């Protein structure tokens, strides 16, 4: 293993600085989703079935699996009458109808900010609008949103597609966006759509969520003072990948890594300041592990770079809250999950 002193004669004797972006890691929607699965296991006992991975991070999923969560893609794999947790990414009406046919008991851990986009899709379609959804094909959130009104929704993934997309009636068109996109890249796409469809309707509030915006703003601050940015997050995490892209767009070398095990010594050669952040579904323990690995190579100590304070929290889904209130374990579990003590 290289040390910083060996890698660069010009490096300061105590190695490069480490700047930790704040905010980073779990957002309120992810916190809520993980707590929902944990609480469901405590309340109902294992196994608890979850449709799709609850969040896009295999460390989190593996920990919940060890506790007794069972992640499924097909609701036919869930025993009839069982509770089924819907992931933070949301599901389509078709999935909800499938659950009802099998008499499953839905516990909806969909992030409320994703639910907002679903409701916008329904509202615009009811007004006769055609919907242009800006997002990534195959992403669970996009599949859920498109499932609300599939016959009136068109997916656009790039500026090039925005230049080519056609709608049956350009006077009745609205746009929605996936909540975890790059703010700057999405603006470029929306600029094209607004130029091509002057009557296009926008959401009352932007769909890209507060946590995505805050973490991308923090990356831009890191890029101003660091010559390397490391983003801890899963390769399938949209928001983690966008963070690395934002840093590179600022002209800084950046790498998304799953954990400290993927850290490569050659990235560190000659660096004077290293920025560290993490995606919205990344446990803080993985960030701590990366910082420890950097400090073992002579960097640090880590300092916090505060950009925005986050104080948002979401309530427990109504179905789970009702079952909890009826349980004789309610006082014990409510104290353990005090942030989620009330229903939606």
Protein backbone atom coordinates (compact mmCIF):
# COMPACT_ATOMS: atom_id res chain seq x y z
CA UNK A 1 0.00 0.00 0.00
CA UNK A 2 1.31 3.43 -0.95
CA UNK A 3 1.45 6.33 1.50
CA UNK A 4 0.96 9.93 0.49
CA UNK A 5 4.54 10.84 1.43
CA UNK A 6 5.78 8.22 -0.99
CA UNK A 7 3.41 9.30 -3.72
CA UNK A 8 4.20 13.00 -3.88
CA UNK A 9 7.26 14.82 -2.67
CA UNK A 10 5.27 18.07 -2.73
CA UNK A 11 2.47 16.74 -0.49
CA UNK A 12 2.33 18.27 2.99
CA UNK A 13 3.94 16.14 5.65
CA UNK A 14 0.62 15.27 7.22
CA UNK A 15 -0.91 14.25 3.90
CA UNK A 16 -3.85 15.74 2.00
CA UNK A 17 -6.96 17.05 3.66
CA UNK A 18 -10.18 15.05 3.73
CA UNK A 19 -13.40 17.02 3.36
CA UNK A 20 -16.66 15.27 4.25
CA UNK A 21 -19.71 16.71 2.51
CA UNK A 22 -22.68 17.54 4.71
CA UNK A 23 -25.36 16.54 3.88
CA UNK A 24 -24.54 13.08 2.57
CA UNK A 25 -25.92 9.58 2.86
CA UNK A 26 -29.43 8.63 3.90
CA UNK A 27 -32.25 10.96 2.98
CA UNK A 28 -35.57 11.04 4.84
CA UNK A 29 -37.25 8.73 2.32
CA UNK A 30 -34.55 6.07 2.67
CA UNK A 31 -34.53 6.39 6.47
CA UNK A 32 -38.27 5.85 6.44
CA UNK A 33 -38.16 2.87 4.06
CA UNK A 34 -35.51 1.03 6.08
CA UNK A 35 -37.34 1.75 9.33
CA UNK A 36 -40.56 0.44 7.79
CA UNK A 37 -38.97 -2.93 7.01
CA UNK A 38 -37.23 -3.12 10.39
CA UNK A 39 -40.45 -2.25 12.23
CA UNK A 40 -42.50 -4.71 10.16
CA UNK A 41 -40.09 -7.51 11.12
CA UNK A 42 -40.35 -6.52 14.79
CA UNK A 43 -44.14 -6.30 14.63
CA UNK A 44 -45.10 -9.26 12.45
CA UNK A 45 -42.05 -11.48 12.83
CA UNK A 46 -39.85 -12.88 10.07
CA UNK A 47 -40.09 -13.33 7.22
CA UNK A 48 -41.41 -10.00 5.93
CA UNK A 49 -41.75 -9.78 2.16
CA UNK A 50 -40.55 -6.71 0.25
CA UNK A 51 -41.21 -6.09 -3.43
CA UNK A 52 -37.97 -5.08 -5.09
CA UNK A 53 -34.90 -4.08 -3.09
CA UNK A 54 -36.09 -1.56 -0.53
CA UNK A 55 -33.30 0.86 -1.57
CA UNK A 56 -30.49 0.58 -4.10
CA UNK A 57 -27.68 -0.51 -1.79
CA UNK A 58 -26.76 -4.16 -1.37
CA UNK A 59 -25.18 -3.61 2.08
CA UNK A 60 -28.53 -2.35 3.38
CA UNK A 61 -30.42 -5.12 1.61
CA UNK A 62 -28.08 -7.79 2.99
CA UNK A 63 -28.49 -6.50 6.55
CA UNK A 64 -32.28 -6.55 6.25
CA UNK A 65 -32.17 -10.00 4.69
CA UNK A 66 -30.21 -11.24 7.71
CA UNK A 67 -32.97 -9.86 9.96
CA UNK A 68 -35.65 -11.73 8.04
CA UNK A 69 -36.65 -9.62 5.03
CA UNK A 70 -37.38 -11.53 1.82
CA UNK A 71 -36.99 -9.49 -1.36
CA UNK A 72 -39.12 -10.59 -4.32
CA UNK A 73 -39.85 -9.30 -7.81
CA UNK A 74 -42.94 -11.46 -8.42
CA UNK A 75 -45.86 -11.12 -6.00
CA UNK A 76 -46.83 -14.71 -6.79
CA UNK A 77 -43.82 -15.68 -4.65
CA UNK A 78 -45.47 -14.14 -1.58
CA UNK A 79 -47.78 -16.37 0.50
CA UNK A 80 -51.41 -15.30 0.17
CA UNK A 81 -52.54 -12.93 2.90
CA UNK A 82 -49.01 -11.87 3.89
CA UNK A 83 -47.87 -8.27 4.43
CA UNK A 84 -45.93 -6.94 1.45
CA UNK A 85 -43.74 -3.83 1.68
CA UNK A 86 -43.50 -1.67 -1.44
CA UNK A 87 -40.03 -0.17 -1.86
CA UNK A 88 -39.06 3.50 -1.65
CA UNK A 89 -39.08 3.71 -5.48
CA UNK A 90 -42.85 3.25 -5.75
CA UNK A 91 -44.98 0.81 -7.73
CA UNK A 92 -47.53 1.00 -10.54
CA UNK A 93 -51.29 0.50 -10.15
CA UNK A 94 -50.85 -2.88 -11.86
CA UNK A 95 -48.66 -4.05 -8.96
CA UNK A 96 -51.20 -2.80 -6.42
CA UNK A 97 -54.00 -4.62 -8.25
CA UNK A 98 -51.91 -7.81 -8.31
CA UNK A 99 -51.41 -7.52 -4.54
CA UNK A 100 -55.17 -7.06 -4.04
CA UNK A 101 -55.99 -10.15 -6.15
CA UNK A 102 -53.68 -12.22 -3.96
CA UNK A 103 -55.15 -10.68 -0.80
CA UNK A 104 -51.77 -9.38 0.29
CA UNK A 105 -51.55 -6.62 2.89
CA UNK A 106 -49.65 -3.68 1.35
CA UNK A 107 -47.32 -1.56 3.46
CA UNK A 108 -46.36 1.37 1.27
CA UNK A 109 -42.80 2.57 1.89
CA UNK A 110 -42.82 4.68 -1.29
CA UNK A 111 -40.95 7.93 -0.69
CA UNK A 112 -43.59 10.68 -0.36
CA UNK A 113 -41.68 12.74 -2.92
CA UNK A 114 -42.07 9.92 -5.45
CA UNK A 115 -45.75 9.68 -4.56
CA UNK A 116 -46.00 13.39 -5.41
CA UNK A 117 -44.82 12.63 -8.97
CA UNK A 118 -47.36 9.79 -9.30
CA UNK A 119 -50.16 12.11 -8.23
CA UNK A 120 -49.01 14.75 -10.73
CA UNK A 121 -49.12 12.14 -13.51
CA UNK A 122 -52.69 11.20 -12.60
CA UNK A 123 -53.77 14.85 -12.37
CA UNK A 124 -52.26 15.88 -15.71
CA UNK A 125 -53.71 12.83 -17.48
CA UNK A 126 -57.16 13.66 -16.06
CA UNK A 127 -56.78 17.11 -17.64
CA UNK A 128 -56.16 15.49 -21.03
CA UNK A 129 -52.41 16.13 -21.09
CA UNK A 130 -49.75 13.99 -22.68
CA UNK A 131 -46.89 13.40 -20.26
CA UNK A 132 -43.18 13.55 -20.99
CA UNK A 133 -41.28 11.81 -18.20
CA UNK A 134 -37.59 12.65 -17.99
CA UNK A 135 -35.76 9.68 -16.50
CA UNK A 136 -33.82 6.48 -17.04
CA UNK A 137 -35.43 3.44 -18.67
CA UNK A 138 -35.59 0.41 -16.40
CA UNK A 139 -35.25 2.35 -13.15
CA UNK A 140 -37.82 1.16 -10.59
CA UNK A 141 -39.08 4.68 -9.95
CA UNK A 142 -39.62 5.35 -13.66
CA UNK A 143 -41.47 2.06 -14.12
CA UNK A 144 -43.80 2.94 -11.25
CA UNK A 145 -44.50 6.46 -12.52
CA UNK A 146 -45.07 5.36 -16.11
CA UNK A 147 -47.42 2.68 -14.83
CA UNK A 148 -49.88 5.29 -13.59
CA UNK A 149 -50.92 6.36 -17.11
CA UNK A 150 -48.81 4.28 -19.53
CA UNK A 151 -50.98 5.11 -22.53
CA UNK A 152 -50.26 8.85 -22.17
CA UNK A 153 -46.64 8.85 -20.94
CA UNK A 154 -43.51 9.13 -23.10
CA UNK A 155 -40.05 8.60 -21.61
CA UNK A 156 -37.22 10.96 -22.56
CA UNK A 157 -33.67 10.15 -21.41
CA UNK A 158 -31.45 12.71 -23.15
CA UNK A 159 -31.23 16.03 -24.94
CA UNK A 160 -31.15 14.13 -28.23
CA UNK A 161 -34.40 12.36 -27.41
CA UNK A 162 -35.94 15.66 -26.29
CA UNK A 163 -35.16 17.08 -29.74
CA UNK A 164 -36.94 14.17 -31.44
CA UNK A 165 -39.90 13.41 -29.20
CA UNK A 166 -43.38 13.97 -30.65
CA UNK A 167 -46.73 14.16 -28.87
CA UNK A 168 -50.22 13.85 -30.39
CA UNK A 169 -51.26 17.31 -29.15
CA UNK A 170 -48.52 19.84 -28.42
CA UNK A 171 -51.03 22.21 -26.80
CA UNK A 172 -51.75 19.68 -24.06
CA UNK A 173 -48.44 18.41 -22.77
CA UNK A 174 -46.76 18.37 -19.35
CA UNK A 175 -43.44 17.14 -18.05
CA UNK A 176 -42.40 15.21 -14.96
CA UNK A 177 -38.96 14.03 -13.86
CA UNK A 178 -37.40 11.16 -11.97
CA UNK A 179 -36.50 12.43 -8.51
CA UNK A 180 -32.81 11.37 -8.55
CA UNK A 181 -31.50 12.96 -11.75
CA UNK A 182 -28.64 15.37 -12.31
CA UNK A 183 -30.05 18.86 -11.84
CA UNK A 184 -27.87 20.41 -14.55
CA UNK A 185 -28.42 17.65 -17.11
CA UNK A 186 -32.16 17.68 -16.49
CA UNK A 187 -32.25 21.45 -17.02
CA UNK A 188 -30.69 20.98 -20.46
CA UNK A 189 -33.40 18.48 -21.39
CA UNK A 190 -36.17 20.67 -20.03
CA UNK A 191 -34.82 23.71 -21.91
CA UNK A 192 -35.24 21.76 -25.15
CA UNK A 193 -38.74 20.63 -24.25
CA UNK A 194 -39.79 24.17 -23.31
CA UNK A 195 -38.42 25.50 -26.60
CA UNK A 196 -40.16 22.83 -28.67
CA UNK A 197 -43.43 22.87 -26.73
CA UNK A 198 -44.06 26.45 -25.49
CA UNK A 199 -47.33 25.40 -23.85
CA UNK A 200 -45.76 22.61 -21.82
CA UNK A 201 -46.91 22.52 -18.20
CA UNK A 202 -44.49 22.18 -15.30
CA UNK A 203 -45.00 20.63 -11.87
CA UNK A 204 -46.00 23.05 -9.12
CA UNK A 205 -42.65 22.27 -7.51
CA UNK A 206 -39.70 20.63 -9.22
CA UNK A 207 -39.73 16.85 -9.01
CA UNK A 208 -36.01 16.38 -8.31
CA UNK A 209 -36.03 15.85 -4.57
CA UNK A 210 -34.50 18.09 -1.94
CA UNK A 211 -31.91 15.44 -0.98
CA UNK A 212 -30.73 15.02 -4.57
CA UNK A 213 -30.39 18.80 -4.91
CA UNK A 214 -28.59 19.20 -1.58
CA UNK A 215 -26.09 16.42 -2.27
CA UNK A 216 -25.33 17.75 -5.75
CA UNK A 217 -24.85 21.26 -4.34
CA UNK A 218 -22.46 19.83 -1.75
CA UNK A 219 -20.51 18.05 -4.51
CA UNK A 220 -20.04 21.37 -6.28
CA UNK A 221 -18.65 22.87 -3.08
CA UNK A 222 -16.26 19.93 -2.68
CA UNK A 223 -15.11 20.37 -6.28
CA UNK A 224 -14.01 23.93 -5.53
CA UNK A 225 -11.48 22.83 -2.90
CA UNK A 226 -10.59 19.21 -3.79
CA UNK A 227 -8.66 17.58 -6.61
CA UNK A 228 -10.29 14.19 -6.04
CA UNK A 229 -13.87 13.35 -5.09
CA UNK A 230 -14.95 9.90 -3.91
CA UNK A 231 -18.65 9.02 -3.88
CA UNK A 232 -19.68 6.01 -1.82
CA UNK A 233 -22.70 4.34 -3.35
CA UNK A 234 -23.99 1.30 -5.16
CA UNK A 235 -23.39 0.95 -8.92
CA UNK A 236 -27.18 0.66 -9.37
CA UNK A 237 -27.89 3.81 -7.35
CA UNK A 238 -28.99 6.55 -9.75
CA UNK A 239 -28.32 9.40 -7.32
CA UNK A 240 -24.83 8.08 -6.46
CA UNK A 241 -23.85 7.87 -10.11
CA UNK A 242 -25.17 11.38 -10.70
CA UNK A 243 -23.00 12.72 -7.85
CA UNK A 244 -19.85 11.43 -9.52
CA UNK A 245 -20.98 12.88 -12.85
CA UNK A 246 -21.60 16.29 -11.27
CA UNK A 247 -18.08 16.33 -9.80
CA UNK A 248 -16.54 15.42 -13.17
CA UNK A 249 -18.60 18.14 -14.85
CA UNK A 250 -16.90 20.58 -12.44
CA UNK A 251 -13.52 19.45 -13.79
CA UNK A 252 -12.52 17.25 -10.85
CA UNK A 253 -11.43 13.63 -10.92
CA UNK A 254 -14.22 11.59 -9.32
CA UNK A 255 -14.95 7.93 -8.67
CA UNK A 256 -18.05 6.17 -7.39
CA UNK A 257 -17.10 3.23 -5.19
CA UNK A 258 -19.19 0.63 -3.40
CA UNK A 259 -16.97 0.70 -0.30
CA UNK A 260 -13.37 1.23 0.83
CA UNK A 261 -12.48 -2.12 -0.75
CA UNK A 262 -12.65 -0.47 -4.18
CA UNK A 263 -10.26 2.37 -3.26
CA UNK A 264 -7.24 2.39 -5.61
CA UNK A 265 -3.88 3.81 -4.58
CA UNK A 266 -3.17 5.32 -8.01
CA UNK A 267 -6.16 7.66 -7.60
CA UNK A 268 -4.46 9.21 -4.57
CA UNK A 269 -1.05 9.95 -6.08
CA UNK A 270 -0.18 13.64 -5.72
CA UNK A 271 -3.57 14.68 -4.37
CA UNK A 272 -3.69 17.59 -1.92
CA UNK A 273 -7.36 17.51 -0.94
CA UNK A 274 -9.89 14.68 -1.13
CA UNK A 275 -13.65 15.15 -1.00
CA UNK A 276 -15.88 12.36 0.29
CA UNK A 277 -19.64 12.04 0.03
CA UNK A 278 -22.24 9.31 -0.33
CA UNK A 279 -25.49 8.60 -2.11
CA UNK A 280 -28.88 8.86 -0.46
CA UNK A 281 -29.12 5.09 0.12
CA UNK A 282 -25.60 4.62 1.51
CA UNK A 283 -25.05 3.69 5.18
CA UNK A 284 -22.73 6.03 7.09
CA UNK A 285 -20.65 3.02 8.17
CA UNK A 286 -19.35 2.72 4.59
CA UNK A 287 -18.25 6.37 4.63
CA UNK A 288 -16.54 5.82 7.99
CA UNK A 289 -14.73 2.84 6.50
CA UNK A 290 -13.50 4.87 3.55
CA UNK A 291 -12.28 7.69 5.77
CA UNK A 292 -10.40 5.15 7.91
CA UNK A 293 -8.77 3.72 4.78
CA UNK A 294 -7.70 7.19 3.64
CA UNK A 295 -6.34 8.07 7.08
CA UNK A 296 -4.40 4.79 7.14
CA UNK A 297 -2.67 6.05 3.99
CA UNK A 298 -1.69 9.31 5.69
CA UNK A 299 -4.60 11.59 4.83
CA UNK A 300 -6.73 13.67 7.12
CA UNK A 301 -8.00 14.04 9.69
CA UNK A 302 -11.42 14.42 8.10
CA UNK A 303 -13.21 17.77 8.33
CA UNK A 304 -16.89 18.47 7.68
CA UNK A 305 -17.91 20.79 4.86
CA UNK A 306 -21.41 21.93 5.84
CA UNK A 307 -23.48 23.13 2.89
CA UNK A 308 -27.07 22.57 4.04
CA UNK A 309 -28.74 21.22 7.16
CA UNK A 310 -31.53 18.69 6.61
CA UNK A 311 -34.29 18.31 9.20
CA UNK A 312 -36.96 16.58 7.12
CA UNK A 313 -38.63 13.37 8.27
CA UNK A 314 -41.61 11.37 7.02
CA UNK A 315 -44.32 9.56 8.91
CA UNK A 316 -45.00 5.86 9.14
CA UNK A 317 -47.31 4.41 6.43
CA UNK A 318 -50.90 4.32 7.63
CA UNK A 319 -51.44 0.54 7.42
CA UNK A 320 -48.37 -0.19 9.51
CA UNK A 321 -49.23 2.58 11.99
CA UNK A 322 -52.70 1.10 12.54
CA UNK A 323 -51.34 -2.40 13.13
CA UNK A 324 -48.76 -0.98 15.49
CA UNK A 325 -51.35 0.91 17.53
CA UNK A 326 -53.38 -2.30 17.95
CA UNK A 327 -50.37 -4.28 19.15
CA UNK A 328 -49.61 -4.81 22.83
CA UNK A 329 -45.99 -4.01 21.91
CA UNK A 330 -46.90 -0.51 20.75
CA UNK A 331 -45.20 1.42 23.62
CA UNK A 332 -41.94 -0.50 23.19
CA UNK A 333 -41.85 -0.21 19.39
CA UNK A 334 -43.04 3.40 19.30
CA UNK A 335 -40.12 4.38 21.51
CA UNK A 336 -37.74 2.51 19.23
CA UNK A 337 -39.13 4.14 16.08
CA UNK A 338 -40.10 7.50 17.56
CA UNK A 339 -39.45 9.39 14.30
CA UNK A 340 -42.23 7.40 12.63
CA UNK A 341 -44.82 7.29 15.38
CA UNK A 342 -47.76 8.69 13.39
CA UNK A 343 -49.48 7.47 10.23
CA UNK A 344 -49.50 9.17 6.84
